[in-house]
Structures are given as structure tokens and as C-alpha cells.
C-alpha atoms as a PDB file:
ATOM      1  CA  UNK A   1     -12.497   4.464 -15.010  1.00  0.00           C
ATOM      2  CA  UNK A   2     -15.571   3.624 -12.935  1.00  0.00           C
ATOM      3  CA  UNK A   3     -15.745   4.589  -9.262  1.00  0.00           C
ATOM      4  CA  UNK A   4     -17.734   2.283  -7.039  1.00  0.00           C
ATOM      5  CA  UNK A   5     -18.597   2.988  -3.426  1.00  0.00           C
ATOM      6  CA  UNK A   6     -19.042  -0.079  -1.250  1.00  0.00           C
ATOM      7  CA  UNK A   7     -21.846   0.341   1.286  1.00  0.00           C
ATOM      8  CA  UNK A   8     -24.195  -2.038   3.040  1.00  0.00           C
ATOM      9  CA  UNK A   9     -27.705  -1.553   1.680  1.00  0.00           C
ATOM     10  CA  UNK A  10     -30.354  -1.289   4.349  1.00  0.00           C
ATOM     11  CA  UNK A  11     -32.839  -3.662   2.758  1.00  0.00           C
ATOM     12  CA  UNK A  12     -33.702  -7.356   2.755  1.00  0.00           C
ATOM     13  CA  UNK A  13     -32.820  -9.518  -0.183  1.00  0.00           C
ATOM     14  CA  UNK A  14     -30.658  -6.898  -1.916  1.00  0.00           C
ATOM     15  CA  UNK A  15     -28.485  -8.473  -4.610  1.00  0.00           C
ATOM     16  CA  UNK A  16     -26.860  -7.880  -7.959  1.00  0.00           C
ATOM     17  CA  UNK A  17     -23.570  -6.612  -9.298  1.00  0.00           C
ATOM     18  CA  UNK A  18     -22.338  -3.113  -8.508  1.00  0.00           C
ATOM     19  CA  UNK A  19     -23.057  -0.438 -11.069  1.00  0.00           C
ATOM     20  CA  UNK A  20     -21.007   2.718 -11.662  1.00  0.00           C
ATOM     21  CA  UNK A  21     -21.589   5.431  -9.039  1.00  0.00           C
ATOM     22  CA  UNK A  22     -24.006   3.192  -7.098  1.00  0.00           C
ATOM     23  CA  UNK A  23     -23.743   1.399  -3.757  1.00  0.00           C
ATOM     24  CA  UNK A  24     -22.596  -2.216  -3.879  1.00  0.00           C
ATOM     25  CA  UNK A  25     -24.521  -4.792  -1.866  1.00  0.00           C
ATOM     26  CA  UNK A  26     -22.411  -6.500   0.780  1.00  0.00           C
ATOM     27  CA  UNK A  27     -23.497  -9.806   2.292  1.00  0.00           C
ATOM     28  CA  UNK A  28     -20.334 -10.338   4.265  1.00  0.00           C
ATOM     29  CA  UNK A  29     -19.247 -12.728   6.998  1.00  0.00           C
ATOM     30  CA  UNK A  30     -17.270  -9.932   8.657  1.00  0.00           C
ATOM     31  CA  UNK A  31     -20.101  -8.730  10.863  1.00  0.00           C
ATOM     32  CA  UNK A  32     -20.711  -5.610   8.787  1.00  0.00           C
ATOM     33  CA  UNK A  33     -17.368  -3.862   9.202  1.00  0.00           C
ATOM     34  CA  UNK A  34     -17.627  -2.518   5.665  1.00  0.00           C
ATOM     35  CA  UNK A  35     -21.011  -0.982   6.458  1.00  0.00           C
ATOM     36  CA  UNK A  36     -19.318   1.134   9.098  1.00  0.00           C
ATOM     37  CA  UNK A  37     -16.194   1.715   7.034  1.00  0.00           C
ATOM     38  CA  UNK A  38     -16.992   1.774   3.315  1.00  0.00           C
ATOM     39  CA  UNK A  39     -14.273   2.000   0.712  1.00  0.00           C
ATOM     40  CA  UNK A  40     -14.023   3.299  -2.847  1.00  0.00           C
ATOM     41  CA  UNK A  41     -13.010   1.023  -5.689  1.00  0.00           C
ATOM     42  CA  UNK A  42     -11.595   2.152  -9.029  1.00  0.00           C
ATOM     43  CA  UNK A  43     -12.464  -0.238 -11.853  1.00  0.00           C
ATOM     44  CA  UNK A  44     -11.261   0.024 -15.475  1.00  0.00           C
ATOM     45  CA  UNK A  45     -14.021   1.240 -17.766  1.00  0.00           C
ATOM     46  CA  UNK A  46     -13.524  -1.823 -19.968  1.00  0.00           C
ATOM     47  CA  UNK A  47     -13.304  -4.334 -17.123  1.00  0.00           C
ATOM     48  CA  UNK A  48     -13.436  -7.897 -18.516  1.00  0.00           C
ATOM     49  CA  UNK A  49     -14.580 -10.513 -16.010  1.00  0.00           C
ATOM     50  CA  UNK A  50     -12.869 -13.274 -17.997  1.00  0.00           C
ATOM     51  CA  UNK A  51      -9.444 -11.763 -17.248  1.00  0.00           C
ATOM     52  CA  UNK A  52      -7.707 -11.929 -13.857  1.00  0.00           C
ATOM     53  CA  UNK A  53      -6.795  -8.387 -12.797  1.00  0.00           C
ATOM     54  CA  UNK A  54      -4.138  -7.236 -10.320  1.00  0.00           C
ATOM     55  CA  UNK A  55      -5.459  -5.552  -7.183  1.00  0.00           C
ATOM     56  CA  UNK A  56      -3.800  -2.584  -5.474  1.00  0.00           C
ATOM     57  CA  UNK A  57      -4.902  -1.475  -2.005  1.00  0.00           C
ATOM     58  CA  UNK A  58      -3.812   2.155  -1.610  1.00  0.00           C
ATOM     59  CA  UNK A  59      -3.394   3.650   1.867  1.00  0.00           C
ATOM     60  CA  UNK A  60      -3.379   7.354   2.698  1.00  0.00           C
ATOM     61  CA  UNK A  61      -1.161   9.028   5.257  1.00  0.00           C
ATOM     62  CA  UNK A  62      -2.075  10.449   8.662  1.00  0.00           C
ATOM     63  CA  UNK A  63      -4.760  13.161   8.418  1.00  0.00           C
ATOM     64  CA  UNK A  64      -5.201  12.455   4.706  1.00  0.00           C
ATOM     65  CA  UNK A  65      -7.838  10.442   2.810  1.00  0.00           C
ATOM     66  CA  UNK A  66      -8.365   8.108  -0.125  1.00  0.00           C
ATOM     67  CA  UNK A  67      -8.989  10.824  -2.711  1.00  0.00           C
ATOM     68  CA  UNK A  68      -5.776  12.649  -1.807  1.00  0.00           C
ATOM     69  CA  UNK A  69      -3.524   9.585  -2.057  1.00  0.00           C
ATOM     70  CA  UNK A  70      -5.262   8.499  -5.259  1.00  0.00           C
ATOM     71  CA  UNK A  71      -4.283  11.710  -7.017  1.00  0.00           C
ATOM     72  CA  UNK A  72      -0.890  12.047  -5.316  1.00  0.00           C
ATOM     73  CA  UNK A  73       0.113   8.624  -6.656  1.00  0.00           C
ATOM     74  CA  UNK A  74      -1.409   9.230 -10.116  1.00  0.00           C
ATOM     75  CA  UNK A  75      -3.848   6.343  -9.846  1.00  0.00           C
ATOM     76  CA  UNK A  76      -6.701   7.314 -12.231  1.00  0.00           C
ATOM     77  CA  UNK A  77      -4.513   7.101 -15.335  1.00  0.00           C
ATOM     78  CA  UNK A  78      -2.828   3.954 -14.036  1.00  0.00           C
ATOM     79  CA  UNK A  79      -6.147   2.120 -13.640  1.00  0.00           C
ATOM     80  CA  UNK A  80      -6.943   2.501 -17.321  1.00  0.00           C
ATOM     81  CA  UNK A  81      -3.429   2.105 -18.699  1.00  0.00           C
ATOM     82  CA  UNK A  82      -2.684  -1.061 -16.697  1.00  0.00           C
ATOM     83  CA  UNK A  83      -6.183  -2.493 -16.259  1.00  0.00           C
ATOM     84  CA  UNK A  84      -5.976  -2.924 -12.519  1.00  0.00           C
ATOM     85  CA  UNK A  85      -8.444  -2.525  -9.695  1.00  0.00           C
ATOM     86  CA  UNK A  86      -7.590  -0.074  -6.912  1.00  0.00           C
ATOM     87  CA  UNK A  87      -9.249  -0.157  -3.491  1.00  0.00           C
ATOM     88  CA  UNK A  88      -9.208   3.119  -1.550  1.00  0.00           C
ATOM     89  CA  UNK A  89     -10.050   2.403   2.100  1.00  0.00           C
ATOM     90  CA  UNK A  90      -9.764   5.024   4.820  1.00  0.00           C
ATOM     91  CA  UNK A  91      -8.547   4.992   8.392  1.00  0.00           C
ATOM     92  CA  UNK A  92     -10.697   5.874  11.387  1.00  0.00           C
ATOM     93  CA  UNK A  93     -10.719   9.355  12.940  1.00  0.00           C
ATOM     94  CA  UNK A  94      -9.040  10.268  16.190  1.00  0.00           C
ATOM     95  CA  UNK A  95     -10.448  12.812  18.667  1.00  0.00           C
ATOM     96  CA  UNK A  96      -9.012  15.650  16.562  1.00  0.00           C
ATOM     97  CA  UNK A  97     -10.852  14.410  13.481  1.00  0.00           C
ATOM     98  CA  UNK A  98      -7.715  13.147  11.708  1.00  0.00           C
ATOM     99  CA  UNK A  99      -7.759   9.789   9.937  1.00  0.00           C
ATOM    100  CA  UNK A 100      -5.090   7.293  10.934  1.00  0.00           C
ATOM    101  CA  UNK A 101      -4.073   3.641  10.650  1.00  0.00           C
ATOM    102  CA  UNK A 102      -3.264   1.487  13.688  1.00  0.00           C
ATOM    103  CA  UNK A 103      -0.140   0.149  12.030  1.00  0.00           C
ATOM    104  CA  UNK A 104       2.998  -0.596  14.055  1.00  0.00           C
ATOM    105  CA  UNK A 105       4.585   0.130  17.411  1.00  0.00           C
ATOM    106  CA  UNK A 106       5.918   3.362  15.893  1.00  0.00           C
ATOM    107  CA  UNK A 107       2.817   4.705  14.142  1.00  0.00           C
ATOM    108  CA  UNK A 108       0.038   5.834  14.551  1.00  0.00           C
ATOM    109  CA  UNK A 109      -2.573   4.772  17.133  1.00  0.00           C
ATOM    110  CA  UNK A 110      -1.586   7.580  19.480  1.00  0.00           C
ATOM    111  CA  UNK A 111      -4.820   7.418  21.511  1.00  0.00           C
ATOM    112  CA  UNK A 112      -4.645   3.618  21.920  1.00  0.00           C
ATOM    113  CA  UNK A 113      -7.970   2.957  20.220  1.00  0.00           C
ATOM    114  CA  UNK A 114      -6.865  -0.567  19.330  1.00  0.00           C
ATOM    115  CA  UNK A 115      -8.852  -0.440  16.080  1.00  0.00           C
ATOM    116  CA  UNK A 116      -8.324  -3.618  14.030  1.00  0.00           C
ATOM    117  CA  UNK A 117      -7.166  -2.168  10.724  1.00  0.00           C
ATOM    118  CA  UNK A 118      -5.689  -5.488   9.608  1.00  0.00           C
ATOM    119  CA  UNK A 119      -9.123  -7.090   9.934  1.00  0.00           C
ATOM    120  CA  UNK A 120     -10.718  -4.187   8.074  1.00  0.00           C
ATOM    121  CA  UNK A 121      -8.268  -4.313   5.181  1.00  0.00           C
ATOM    122  CA  UNK A 122      -8.567  -8.102   4.974  1.00  0.00           C
ATOM    123  CA  UNK A 123     -12.335  -7.582   4.664  1.00  0.00           C
ATOM    124  CA  UNK A 124     -11.779  -5.077   1.851  1.00  0.00           C
ATOM    125  CA  UNK A 125      -9.620  -7.570  -0.053  1.00  0.00           C
ATOM    126  CA  UNK A 126     -12.165 -10.338   0.584  1.00  0.00           C
ATOM    127  CA  UNK A 127     -14.959  -8.184  -0.802  1.00  0.00           C
ATOM    128  CA  UNK A 128     -13.112  -7.249  -3.988  1.00  0.00           C
ATOM    129  CA  UNK A 129     -12.106 -10.882  -4.557  1.00  0.00           C
ATOM    130  CA  UNK A 130     -15.752 -11.977  -4.169  1.00  0.00           C
ATOM    131  CA  UNK A 131     -16.955  -9.502  -6.774  1.00  0.00           C
ATOM    132  CA  UNK A 132     -14.213  -9.366  -9.360  1.00  0.00           C
ATOM    133  CA  UNK A 133     -11.785 -11.669 -11.103  1.00  0.00           C
ATOM    134  CA  UNK A 134      -8.591 -10.971  -9.155  1.00  0.00           C
ATOM    135  CA  UNK A 135      -5.125 -12.329  -9.903  1.00  0.00           C
ATOM    136  CA  UNK A 136      -4.328 -13.677  -6.431  1.00  0.00           C
ATOM    137  CA  UNK A 137      -0.632 -13.815  -7.377  1.00  0.00           C
ATOM    138  CA  UNK A 138      -0.725 -10.021  -7.703  1.00  0.00           C
ATOM    139  CA  UNK A 139      -2.415  -8.536  -4.642  1.00  0.00           C
ATOM    140  CA  UNK A 140      -0.445  -5.420  -3.747  1.00  0.00           C
ATOM    141  CA  UNK A 141      -0.507  -2.743  -1.031  1.00  0.00           C
ATOM    142  CA  UNK A 142       1.013   0.726  -1.311  1.00  0.00           C
ATOM    143  CA  UNK A 143       0.926   3.673   1.029  1.00  0.00           C
ATOM    144  CA  UNK A 144       2.471   6.961   2.076  1.00  0.00           C
ATOM    145  CA  UNK A 145       3.716   7.789   5.589  1.00  0.00           C
ATOM    146  CA  UNK A 146       1.212   6.272   8.079  1.00  0.00           C
ATOM    147  CA  UNK A 147      -0.177   4.367   5.086  1.00  0.00           C
ATOM    148  CA  UNK A 148       3.323   3.079   4.413  1.00  0.00           C
ATOM    149  CA  UNK A 149       3.589   1.848   8.000  1.00  0.00           C
ATOM    150  CA  UNK A 150       0.239   0.111   7.485  1.00  0.00           C
ATOM    151  CA  UNK A 151       1.476  -1.499   4.268  1.00  0.00           C
ATOM    152  CA  UNK A 152       4.341  -3.017   6.267  1.00  0.00           C
ATOM    153  CA  UNK A 153       1.879  -4.184   8.949  1.00  0.00           C
ATOM    154  CA  UNK A 154      -0.328  -5.890   6.371  1.00  0.00           C
ATOM    155  CA  UNK A 155       2.709  -7.569   4.797  1.00  0.00           C
ATOM    156  CA  UNK A 156       3.531  -8.953   8.242  1.00  0.00           C
ATOM    157  CA  UNK A 157       0.044 -10.088   9.237  1.00  0.00           C
ATOM    158  CA  UNK A 158      -1.486 -11.025   5.861  1.00  0.00           C
ATOM    159  CA  UNK A 159       1.522 -12.371   3.977  1.00  0.00           C
ATOM    160  CA  UNK A 160      -0.537 -15.320   2.788  1.00  0.00           C
ATOM    161  CA  UNK A 161      -2.423 -12.994   0.456  1.00  0.00           C
ATOM    162  CA  UNK A 162      -0.316  -9.822   0.059  1.00  0.00           C
ATOM    163  CA  UNK A 163       2.224 -10.390  -2.716  1.00  0.00           C
ATOM    164  CA  UNK A 164       4.151  -7.145  -2.498  1.00  0.00           C
ATOM    165  CA  UNK A 165       4.133  -3.686  -0.951  1.00  0.00           C
ATOM    166  CA  UNK A 166       5.456  -0.220  -1.730  1.00  0.00           C
ATOM    167  CA  UNK A 167       6.000   2.082   1.233  1.00  0.00           C
ATOM    168  CA  UNK A 168       6.765   5.747   0.630  1.00  0.00           C
ATOM    169  CA  UNK A 169       8.148   7.324   3.827  1.00  0.00           C
ATOM    170  CA  UNK A 170       6.741   4.709   6.199  1.00  0.00           C
ATOM    171  CA  UNK A 171       8.895   2.044   7.875  1.00  0.00           C
ATOM    172  CA  UNK A 172       8.367  -1.325   9.528  1.00  0.00           C
ATOM    173  CA  UNK A 173       8.083  -2.386  13.184  1.00  0.00           C
ATOM    174  CA  UNK A 174      10.744  -1.191  15.590  1.00  0.00           C
ATOM    175  CA  UNK A 175      10.314  -4.470  17.484  1.00  0.00           C
ATOM    176  CA  UNK A 176      11.095  -6.791  14.580  1.00  0.00           C
ATOM    177  CA  UNK A 177       9.874  -9.871  16.491  1.00  0.00           C
ATOM    178  CA  UNK A 178       6.304  -8.547  16.216  1.00  0.00           C
ATOM    179  CA  UNK A 179       6.380  -9.245  12.481  1.00  0.00           C
ATOM    180  CA  UNK A 180       6.173 -12.931  11.618  1.00  0.00           C
ATOM    181  CA  UNK A 181       5.056 -13.229   7.963  1.00  0.00           C
ATOM    182  CA  UNK A 182       3.838 -16.635   6.845  1.00  0.00           C
ATOM    183  CA  UNK A 183       5.324 -16.266   3.338  1.00  0.00           C
ATOM    184  CA  UNK A 184       7.921 -14.155   1.501  1.00  0.00           C
ATOM    185  CA  UNK A 185       6.702 -10.677   0.506  1.00  0.00           C
ATOM    186  CA  UNK A 186       8.260  -8.354  -2.059  1.00  0.00           C
ATOM    187  CA  UNK A 187       9.030  -5.060  -0.288  1.00  0.00           C
ATOM    188  CA  UNK A 188       9.983  -1.769  -1.915  1.00  0.00           C
ATOM    189  CA  UNK A 189      10.939   1.015   0.492  1.00  0.00           C
ATOM    190  CA  UNK A 190      10.940   4.502  -1.081  1.00  0.00           C
ATOM    191  CA  UNK A 191      12.286   7.278   1.114  1.00  0.00           C
ATOM    192  CA  UNK A 192      13.592  10.826   0.819  1.00  0.00           C
ATOM    193  CA  UNK A 193      16.897  11.178   2.634  1.00  0.00           C
ATOM    194  CA  UNK A 194      15.952  14.726   3.728  1.00  0.00           C
ATOM    195  CA  UNK A 195      12.712  13.554   5.344  1.00  0.00           C
ATOM    196  CA  UNK A 196      12.439  15.296   8.723  1.00  0.00           C
ATOM    197  CA  UNK A 197       9.097  13.672   9.645  1.00  0.00           C
ATOM    198  CA  UNK A 198      10.049  10.005   9.315  1.00  0.00           C
ATOM    199  CA  UNK A 199      13.838  10.349   9.090  1.00  0.00           C
ATOM    200  CA  UNK A 200      15.666   8.211   6.560  1.00  0.00           C
ATOM    201  CA  UNK A 201      18.222   7.355   9.253  1.00  0.00           C
ATOM    202  CA  UNK A 202      15.557   6.380  11.788  1.00  0.00           C
ATOM    203  CA  UNK A 203      14.815   7.464  15.366  1.00  0.00           C
ATOM    204  CA  UNK A 204      14.773   5.798  18.777  1.00  0.00           C
ATOM    205  CA  UNK A 205      11.288   4.427  18.018  1.00  0.00           C
ATOM    206  CA  UNK A 206      11.463   4.003  14.227  1.00  0.00           C
ATOM    207  CA  UNK A 207      13.886   1.867  12.229  1.00  0.00           C
ATOM    208  CA  UNK A 208      15.782   3.507   9.387  1.00  0.00           C
ATOM    209  CA  UNK A 209      14.921   2.953   5.732  1.00  0.00           C
ATOM    210  CA  UNK A 210      18.039   0.788   5.358  1.00  0.00           C
ATOM    211  CA  UNK A 211      17.226  -1.273   8.444  1.00  0.00           C
ATOM    212  CA  UNK A 212      13.638  -1.702   7.245  1.00  0.00           C
ATOM    213  CA  UNK A 213      14.840  -3.244   3.988  1.00  0.00           C
ATOM    214  CA  UNK A 214      17.442  -5.369   5.777  1.00  0.00           C
ATOM    215  CA  UNK A 215      14.780  -6.742   8.130  1.00  0.00           C
ATOM    216  CA  UNK A 216      12.645  -7.838   5.199  1.00  0.00           C
ATOM    217  CA  UNK A 217      15.705  -9.265   3.475  1.00  0.00           C
ATOM    218  CA  UNK A 218      16.303 -11.526   6.464  1.00  0.00           C
ATOM    219  CA  UNK A 219      12.668 -12.619   6.487  1.00  0.00           C
ATOM    220  CA  UNK A 220      12.809 -13.411   2.753  1.00  0.00           C
ATOM    221  CA  UNK A 221      16.093 -15.307   3.005  1.00  0.00           C
ATOM    222  CA  UNK A 222      18.028 -12.781   0.919  1.00  0.00           C
ATOM    223  CA  UNK A 223      21.807 -12.536   0.740  1.00  0.00           C
ATOM    224  CA  UNK A 224      24.658 -10.226  -0.173  1.00  0.00           C
ATOM    225  CA  UNK A 225      23.637  -7.022   1.561  1.00  0.00           C
ATOM    226  CA  UNK A 226      22.185  -3.911  -0.010  1.00  0.00           C
ATOM    227  CA  UNK A 227      23.890  -3.561  -3.403  1.00  0.00           C
ATOM    228  CA  UNK A 228      23.867  -0.575  -5.749  1.00  0.00           C
ATOM    229  CA  UNK A 229      22.230  -1.609  -9.041  1.00  0.00           C
ATOM    230  CA  UNK A 230      23.578   1.379 -10.975  1.00  0.00           C
ATOM    231  CA  UNK A 231      19.994   2.324 -11.904  1.00  0.00           C
ATOM    232  CA  UNK A 232      18.741   5.838 -11.234  1.00  0.00           C
ATOM    233  CA  UNK A 233      15.204   7.200 -11.470  1.00  0.00           C
ATOM    234  CA  UNK A 234      13.687  10.654 -11.812  1.00  0.00           C
ATOM    235  CA  UNK A 235      10.847  10.582  -9.275  1.00  0.00           C
ATOM    236  CA  UNK A 236      10.828  14.080  -7.749  1.00  0.00           C
ATOM    237  CA  UNK A 237       9.874  16.899 -10.117  1.00  0.00           C
ATOM    238  CA  UNK A 238      11.378  19.547  -7.809  1.00  0.00           C
ATOM    239  CA  UNK A 239      14.875  18.024  -7.877  1.00  0.00           C
ATOM    240  CA  UNK A 240      17.291  18.137 -10.827  1.00  0.00           C
ATOM    241  CA  UNK A 241      18.231  15.052 -12.816  1.00  0.00           C
ATOM    242  CA  UNK A 242      17.688  11.427 -11.899  1.00  0.00           C
ATOM    243  CA  UNK A 243      17.939  11.921  -8.158  1.00  0.00           C
ATOM    244  CA  UNK A 244      16.866   8.465  -6.979  1.00  0.00           C
ATOM    245  CA  UNK A 245      19.304   5.597  -6.504  1.00  0.00           C
ATOM    246  CA  UNK A 246      18.168   1.963  -6.580  1.00  0.00           C
ATOM    247  CA  UNK A 247      19.727  -0.589  -4.224  1.00  0.00           C
ATOM    248  CA  UNK A 248      18.580  -4.132  -3.467  1.00  0.00           C
ATOM    249  CA  UNK A 249      19.315  -7.438  -1.803  1.00  0.00           C
ATOM    250  CA  UNK A 250      19.649 -10.700  -3.725  1.00  0.00           C
ATOM    251  CA  UNK A 251      16.476 -12.589  -2.826  1.00  0.00           C
ATOM    252  CA  UNK A 252      15.434 -16.124  -3.799  1.00  0.00           C
ATOM    253  CA  UNK A 253      11.796 -15.253  -3.084  1.00  0.00           C
ATOM    254  CA  UNK A 254      10.036 -11.997  -2.358  1.00  0.00           C
ATOM    255  CA  UNK A 255      12.264  -8.918  -2.725  1.00  0.00           C
ATOM    256  CA  UNK A 256      13.945  -6.266  -0.589  1.00  0.00           C
ATOM    257  CA  UNK A 257      14.704  -3.009  -2.405  1.00  0.00           C
ATOM    258  CA  UNK A 258      15.360   0.631  -1.492  1.00  0.00           C
ATOM    259  CA  UNK A 259      14.779   3.689  -3.655  1.00  0.00           C
ATOM    260  CA  UNK A 260      16.613   6.594  -2.000  1.00  0.00           C
ATOM    261  CA  UNK A 261      15.260   9.931  -3.262  1.00  0.00           C
ATOM    262  CA  UNK A 262      18.318  12.097  -2.624  1.00  0.00           C
ATOM    263  CA  UNK A 263      17.288  15.510  -1.331  1.00  0.00           C
ATOM    264  CA  UNK A 264      13.570  14.743  -0.999  1.00  0.00           C
ATOM    265  CA  UNK A 265      11.406  15.652   1.972  1.00  0.00           C
ATOM    266  CA  UNK A 266       8.535  13.696   3.558  1.00  0.00           C
ATOM    267  CA  UNK A 267       6.173  14.434   0.661  1.00  0.00           C
ATOM    268  CA  UNK A 268       8.247  14.285  -2.522  1.00  0.00           C
ATOM    269  CA  UNK A 269       6.934  16.211  -5.492  1.00  0.00           C
ATOM    270  CA  UNK A 270       6.168  13.005  -7.354  1.00  0.00           C
ATOM    271  CA  UNK A 271       6.737  13.229 -11.071  1.00  0.00           C
ATOM    272  CA  UNK A 272       3.751  11.722 -12.890  1.00  0.00           C
ATOM    273  CA  UNK A 273       3.313   9.427 -14.676  1.00  0.00           C
ATOM    274  CA  UNK A 274       6.923   8.296 -14.058  1.00  0.00           C
ATOM    275  CA  UNK A 275       6.299   7.570 -10.391  1.00  0.00           C
ATOM    276  CA  UNK A 276       3.136   5.526 -10.905  1.00  0.00           C
ATOM    277  CA  UNK A 277       4.633   3.649 -13.853  1.00  0.00           C
ATOM    278  CA  UNK A 278       7.860   2.869 -11.995  1.00  0.00           C
ATOM    279  CA  UNK A 279       6.353   1.609  -8.747  1.00  0.00           C
ATOM    280  CA  UNK A 280       3.658  -0.409 -10.494  1.00  0.00           C
ATOM    281  CA  UNK A 281       6.160  -1.946 -12.910  1.00  0.00           C
ATOM    282  CA  UNK A 282       8.183  -3.020  -9.882  1.00  0.00           C
ATOM    283  CA  UNK A 283       5.185  -4.654  -8.251  1.00  0.00           C
ATOM    284  CA  UNK A 284       4.221  -6.474 -11.435  1.00  0.00           C
ATOM    285  CA  UNK A 285       7.754  -7.880 -11.682  1.00  0.00           C
ATOM    286  CA  UNK A 286       7.269  -9.591  -8.303  1.00  0.00           C
ATOM    287  CA  UNK A 287       4.244 -11.904  -8.457  1.00  0.00           C
ATOM    288  CA  UNK A 288       4.002 -14.815  -6.073  1.00  0.00           C
END
């Protein structure tokens, strides 16, 4: 796996393709947002420009960072095994020095900075698409906690390009009317039902995991309610057996699915590589 760091070079006439462990030149129409907020990009060591690759944008949680979520989700091995590109952007810092995403009405722009994280992440996707051969039918976003909230926000605001999302312990807008996606999006909500940070059952300002999936089901024109598939998964290494139940709506386009990790807290002890294989398999089964 090659790690590229996207930065704006301070020179005139800079050009050329990125090289491993070197800055990538950005001549962007975004006004230089990526110069102020660079992102890391994981590229398969044997990247083949003649092949269209899936793209995964991975979003860290509040007070975390790209490196932490990369390893928590088991991304390095996944990049090589599945030949995908993974962008690792980072949120801005609040006055306490903690990184956050300005995602939804529930989370997490507590100081009302108004930072345009949708515009930033759109610029990240634009940049990767300009430089690499991307399968535009498979542009995915995944995140944990605040990053999960941001995945839902991007599915709402950039549905024309985001094919599917996976949110671990982060829910959608409380005010559902604020989300008006322009196309169906495949949504996988993964949530521990013992989560005491973002409760599975919701709060006064946060919808529950079940309501989150139901809201997306309505947007995608799904029917039949949340049905038990009979499938179980072993995602949490600290819990015995296959502790995760899989339920879903019947959707003509997009998808609306819930993986309930029974007994798990806000940060499940993710079993690798099962977790990364399972969530990425799900995404790949839902191209546009």
C-alpha cells in the first residue's frame, strides 16, 4: 500500500503525478481548500490505471483522526486485498484542540463554526477522481460516531455521487426534512445496543438507530418494514458468539439495513478482518 499526502505545492508550474510519500500537486477550482486541509490517500501498491477502482472516504470520530480510524477499521489490509482507494480526510479543530465534523443538527459543531465540511469532502472526492481511475458507481463513505453522522450528512447533500454509506454509532438528522437526497443511497447503520454515548434507542435530539434506517427506507422507496434476515455476524471480539443481528427493508433502489451489535458499547472491539470484509462486501453489493 502506498500512502500519499495531498498538499498544495508552493511553486509555479508544478505538475506531475503523485509519487509515494511525496506531496501531490493540486491545481483545484475549489479555492485552495485542500491546501488548508490536506488529506491522506491509501493506494494499492499495484494500482493499475486501466482499471476503475472503488473509492472509500473514511471519517474519524470526534477528537480522533484519520490514522486512528484507518487502523480501527482495518483499512491497510483491505486496500491491498480489495484493490480500493481510501481517502482519509480530517475534521477541523475546536477551541479545545479536538477534531470534529459539522455534520447534522445533532452532532457536532458545538461552537457554531459553520465550517463547510460537505464542500471539503466534495473537494476530496473531486481530487481523487481527477487523479485516479475511479468507479463512479462505487463511491462510498464510512465513519464512526461523529464520522458516522457526517457520512449521513454527505449521503443527504451529495447523493448524486455517494453510492453508499456505512455508519458505525452515528445517526442521521433529527429534523428529517433537512435531508433531501437527489438519488437513492444504500445505507448501512451499525450500532451497539449498549451504546451510552449515542444511544441505540435515541435521545431527544438524536434519532434512534431503527428510526435512522426507517428514514432512509422512506427516502429510497423501500417497503415491508425492518425484517429479520436470519443472518448473524461476529463483529465484536469481546462478545461471545455471533452477536450481531442483520435486519433490512425491501428496497427497489439503494438499501436500508441495520446491524445490531447486541451488548456492544460506543466503540465495539471490532474483530478484524471480519469487520472490514463484512462492511466492504456490503458496500460492493450496492453499486449505483
